[in-house]
Amino acid sequence: MSKFEKLEVDIRKEQGTSAARRTRLRDRVPAILYHSGAEATPLAMDKKSFNKALKTGQMIFEIIVEKKSQFVLLKEVQYHPVTDEVMHVDFQKVREDEKISLEVAVRGTGESQGVKLGGILVQLLNAVTIKCKPSEIPEFLEIDVTDMEMNTNLFVKDIVLPEDVEMITVEDIAVMSVQEPKEEKEEEEALDDIDEEGADGDEESSGDTSEESNNESDGEKK
């Protein structure tokens, strides 16, 4: 039994903007299924069923086309810019035993040492690209931030990967960073500037004193 959400879909006989609009008026979502080396197939599916499947967070679905089951990867969902209603969906046909590349979200786990000391945890990369079989796609990947100290980073190479999952994203890209609070950093920089100005002033005063001493010595010689 498949663990993927099932979607009943129909092949659309009409294509184009007007046909897609008529499909949506019937509470159905227009979609297209891409096959490797074959012509794309236009589809339509029930809007409520698709929205329910979408909320699961899955990227792979089992669709039933003309009573035949096949697995598809959710490639893109287009939304209405105002209402956020699903306007169109792109699927890519996949085989259950074939590895595919896709993006997966990254989440931090634990509380870092730097945060305990007042630092701020900043996530620099929200998702990475991995390669695995459809049945092994993780809902998300974890990166442990517990040992992070102030002003340190964690990278893609620090992400924990499940077995048989391959990382595609470059491993030296920073994912997490613990940074000093901005206000404290600005205060420290301001104090550094004051110290530097004070040091410069002392040097100038020292120079003036030396010059005055030299003038006095010249006067005595005369």
Protein backbone atom coordinates (compact mmCIF):
# COMPACT_ATOMS: atom_id res chain seq x y z
CA MET A 1 0.00 0.00 0.00
CA SER A 2 1.38 3.39 -0.99
CA LYS A 3 2.09 5.91 1.76
CA PHE A 4 1.55 8.79 -0.69
CA GLU A 5 -1.65 10.81 -0.99
CA LYS A 6 -3.83 9.64 -3.88
CA LEU A 7 -5.40 12.04 -6.37
CA GLU A 8 -8.04 11.19 -8.93
CA VAL A 9 -7.29 13.17 -12.09
CA ASP A 10 -8.82 13.50 -15.55
CA ILE A 11 -7.10 14.20 -18.84
CA ARG A 12 -8.10 17.65 -20.12
CA LYS A 13 -9.17 17.70 -23.72
CA GLU A 14 -9.14 21.49 -23.91
CA GLN A 15 -6.06 23.62 -23.37
CA GLY A 16 -5.29 27.32 -23.15
CA THR A 17 -6.19 30.20 -20.82
CA SER A 18 -9.95 30.09 -21.48
CA ALA A 19 -10.09 26.32 -20.99
CA ALA A 20 -8.16 26.60 -17.71
CA ARG A 21 -10.58 29.29 -16.50
CA ARG A 22 -13.57 27.04 -17.28
CA THR A 23 -11.86 24.21 -15.39
CA ARG A 24 -11.49 26.39 -12.29
CA LEU A 25 -15.14 27.48 -12.50
CA ARG A 26 -16.06 23.81 -12.07
CA ASP A 27 -14.03 23.73 -8.79
CA ARG A 28 -11.26 21.78 -10.47
CA VAL A 29 -7.56 22.64 -10.70
CA PRO A 30 -5.82 22.58 -14.10
CA ALA A 31 -2.50 20.75 -14.10
CA ILE A 32 0.08 19.33 -16.44
CA LEU A 33 2.09 16.13 -16.16
CA TYR A 34 5.58 16.08 -17.64
CA HIS A 35 7.13 12.81 -18.79
CA SER A 36 10.82 12.37 -19.55
CA GLY A 37 11.14 12.12 -23.33
CA ALA A 38 7.37 12.24 -23.91
CA GLU A 39 4.73 14.86 -24.60
CA ALA A 40 3.22 16.54 -21.54
CA THR A 41 -0.30 15.52 -20.50
CA PRO A 42 -2.85 18.19 -19.45
CA LEU A 43 -4.84 17.17 -16.36
CA ALA A 44 -7.62 18.40 -14.08
CA MET A 45 -8.39 17.39 -10.47
CA ASP A 46 -10.82 18.22 -7.69
CA LYS A 47 -9.80 21.43 -5.90
CA LYS A 48 -10.74 20.29 -2.38
CA SER A 49 -8.92 16.97 -2.76
CA PHE A 50 -5.77 18.68 -4.00
CA ASN A 51 -5.79 21.33 -1.24
CA LYS A 52 -6.16 18.57 1.35
CA ALA A 53 -3.23 16.63 -0.16
CA LEU A 54 -1.15 19.83 -0.35
CA LYS A 55 -1.53 20.44 3.38
CA THR A 56 0.26 17.16 4.15
CA GLY A 57 3.52 18.76 3.01
CA GLN A 58 4.29 15.82 0.74
CA MET A 59 6.14 16.34 -2.53
CA ILE A 60 5.20 12.98 -4.07
CA PHE A 61 1.63 11.98 -4.92
CA GLU A 62 0.02 8.90 -6.41
CA ILE A 63 -2.31 9.95 -9.20
CA ILE A 64 -4.90 7.75 -10.86
CA VAL A 65 -5.20 8.46 -14.59
CA GLU A 66 -7.74 6.39 -16.51
CA LYS A 67 -7.66 3.78 -13.71
CA LYS A 68 -3.87 3.52 -13.92
CA SER A 69 -1.70 4.47 -10.94
CA GLN A 70 1.57 6.43 -11.26
CA PHE A 71 3.80 8.48 -8.99
CA VAL A 72 4.42 12.17 -9.59
CA LEU A 73 6.64 14.86 -8.07
CA LEU A 74 5.03 18.21 -7.30
CA LYS A 75 7.21 20.61 -9.28
CA GLU A 76 5.35 23.91 -9.03
CA VAL A 77 2.11 25.38 -7.71
CA GLN A 78 0.91 28.70 -9.13
CA TYR A 79 -1.29 30.85 -6.87
CA HIS A 80 -3.58 33.80 -7.56
CA PRO A 81 -1.70 36.96 -6.47
CA VAL A 82 -4.68 38.32 -4.49
CA THR A 83 -6.81 35.38 -3.32
CA ASP A 84 -4.00 32.77 -2.97
CA GLU A 85 -6.25 30.31 -4.80
CA VAL A 86 -4.37 27.52 -6.61
CA MET A 87 -4.37 28.42 -10.31
CA HIS A 88 -2.23 25.70 -11.89
CA VAL A 89 -0.04 22.76 -10.90
CA ASP A 90 2.98 21.15 -12.58
CA PHE A 91 3.74 17.46 -11.96
CA GLN A 92 6.77 15.40 -13.02
CA LYS A 93 6.33 11.66 -13.49
CA VAL A 94 8.74 9.58 -11.38
CA ARG A 95 9.42 5.92 -10.70
CA GLU A 96 9.24 4.64 -7.13
CA ASP A 97 12.66 2.94 -7.43
CA GLU A 98 14.42 5.85 -9.17
CA LYS A 99 16.31 8.61 -7.33
CA ILE A 100 15.15 12.18 -7.95
CA SER A 101 16.49 15.62 -7.00
CA LEU A 102 14.33 18.04 -5.01
CA GLU A 103 14.45 20.77 -2.37
CA VAL A 104 13.80 19.97 1.29
CA ALA A 105 13.42 22.38 4.21
CA VAL A 106 16.10 22.64 6.94
CA ARG A 107 15.24 23.09 10.63
CA GLY A 108 17.50 23.79 13.60
CA THR A 109 17.26 21.64 16.73
CA GLY A 110 18.41 22.39 20.27
CA GLU A 111 19.37 25.68 21.95
CA SER A 112 22.81 27.00 21.18
CA GLN A 113 25.33 28.06 23.84
CA GLY A 114 25.65 31.43 22.13
CA VAL A 115 21.91 32.10 22.38
CA LYS A 116 22.02 31.30 26.11
CA LEU A 117 24.63 34.07 26.44
CA GLY A 118 22.40 36.57 24.66
CA GLY A 119 23.27 35.88 21.03
CA ILE A 120 20.79 35.67 18.16
CA LEU A 121 20.36 32.53 16.03
CA VAL A 122 19.99 33.44 12.36
CA GLN A 123 18.99 30.90 9.70
CA LEU A 124 20.81 31.78 6.49
CA LEU A 125 19.59 28.88 4.33
CA ASN A 126 16.03 27.57 4.53
CA ALA A 127 16.23 24.63 2.11
CA VAL A 128 18.77 22.39 0.39
CA THR A 129 18.69 20.14 -2.67
CA ILE A 130 18.95 16.42 -2.07
CA LYS A 131 18.73 13.25 -4.17
CA CYS A 132 16.88 10.13 -3.09
CA LYS A 133 14.11 7.70 -3.96
CA PRO A 134 10.51 8.97 -3.67
CA SER A 135 9.83 6.59 -0.78
CA GLU A 136 12.78 8.05 1.18
CA ILE A 137 12.03 11.76 0.85
CA PRO A 138 12.27 13.33 4.35
CA GLU A 139 9.69 15.90 5.42
CA PHE A 140 12.60 18.12 6.50
CA LEU A 141 16.29 17.87 7.48
CA GLU A 142 17.73 18.73 10.89
CA ILE A 143 20.87 20.59 11.92
CA ASP A 144 21.89 20.56 15.61
CA VAL A 145 22.75 24.05 16.91
CA THR A 146 23.39 23.03 20.55
CA ASP A 147 27.19 23.47 20.47
CA MET A 148 27.14 26.77 18.56
CA GLU A 149 28.91 29.58 20.42
CA MET A 150 28.78 33.33 19.81
CA ASN A 151 29.92 34.40 16.30
CA THR A 152 30.02 30.86 14.89
CA ASN A 153 28.40 29.22 11.84
CA LEU A 154 27.12 25.80 10.82
CA PHE A 155 27.30 24.67 7.20
CA VAL A 156 25.52 22.33 4.81
CA LYS A 157 28.06 19.62 5.67
CA ASP A 158 26.78 19.71 9.28
CA ILE A 159 23.22 18.66 8.31
CA VAL A 160 22.28 15.15 9.41
CA LEU A 161 21.28 13.07 6.37
CA PRO A 162 19.10 9.94 6.52
CA GLU A 163 20.48 6.77 5.02
CA ASP A 164 20.56 6.62 1.20
CA VAL A 165 19.95 10.40 0.91
CA GLU A 166 22.57 12.33 -1.07
CA MET A 167 23.31 16.04 -0.61
CA ILE A 168 23.46 18.07 -3.83
CA THR A 169 23.85 21.58 -2.35
CA VAL A 170 27.49 22.70 -1.94
CA GLU A 171 28.65 21.66 1.53
CA ASP A 172 30.50 24.87 2.52
CA ILE A 173 27.42 27.14 2.34
CA ALA A 174 26.48 28.55 5.77
CA VAL A 175 23.10 27.43 7.13
CA MET A 176 23.00 28.79 10.70
CA SER A 177 24.81 31.65 12.43
CA VAL A 178 24.88 32.87 16.05
CA GLN A 179 25.45 36.62 16.09
CA GLU A 180 25.83 39.28 18.76
CA PRO A 181 22.80 41.52 19.34
CA LYS A 182 22.99 44.52 17.03
CA GLU A 183 22.68 47.13 19.79
CA GLU A 184 25.53 45.66 21.82
CA LYS A 185 27.70 45.43 18.73
CA GLU A 186 27.01 49.09 17.87
CA GLU A 187 27.86 50.13 21.44
CA GLU A 188 31.15 48.23 21.31
CA GLU A 189 32.01 49.83 17.95
CA ALA A 190 31.17 53.27 19.36
CA LEU A 191 33.42 52.67 22.40
CA ASP A 192 36.21 51.51 20.09
CA ASP A 193 35.85 54.74 18.07
CA ILE A 194 36.03 56.82 21.26
CA ASP A 195 39.15 54.94 22.40
CA GLU A 196 40.78 55.51 19.00
CA GLU A 197 39.92 59.23 19.06
CA GLY A 198 41.31 59.48 22.58
CA ALA A 199 44.53 57.80 21.55
CA ASP A 200 44.88 60.15 18.56
CA GLY A 201 44.32 63.15 20.84
CA ASP A 202 47.00 61.98 23.25
CA GLU A 203 49.46 61.61 20.41
CA GLU A 204 48.75 65.15 19.19
CA SER A 205 49.11 66.57 22.72
CA SER A 206 52.36 64.72 23.15
CA GLY A 207 53.62 66.16 19.88
CA ASP A 208 52.65 69.70 20.87
CA THR A 209 54.47 69.38 24.22
CA SER A 210 57.61 68.20 22.53
CA GLU A 211 57.49 71.11 20.11
CA GLU A 212 56.99 73.62 22.95
CA SER A 213 59.93 72.12 24.84
CA ASN A 214 62.13 72.44 21.78
CA ASN A 215 61.12 76.13 21.37
CA GLU A 216 61.92 76.83 25.00
CA SER A 217 65.34 75.22 24.64
CA ASP A 218 66.06 77.31 21.56
CA GLY A 219 65.11 80.47 23.47
CA GLU A 220 67.47 79.66 26.32
CA LYS A 221 70.33 79.07 23.88
CA LYS A 222 69.76 82.51 22.35
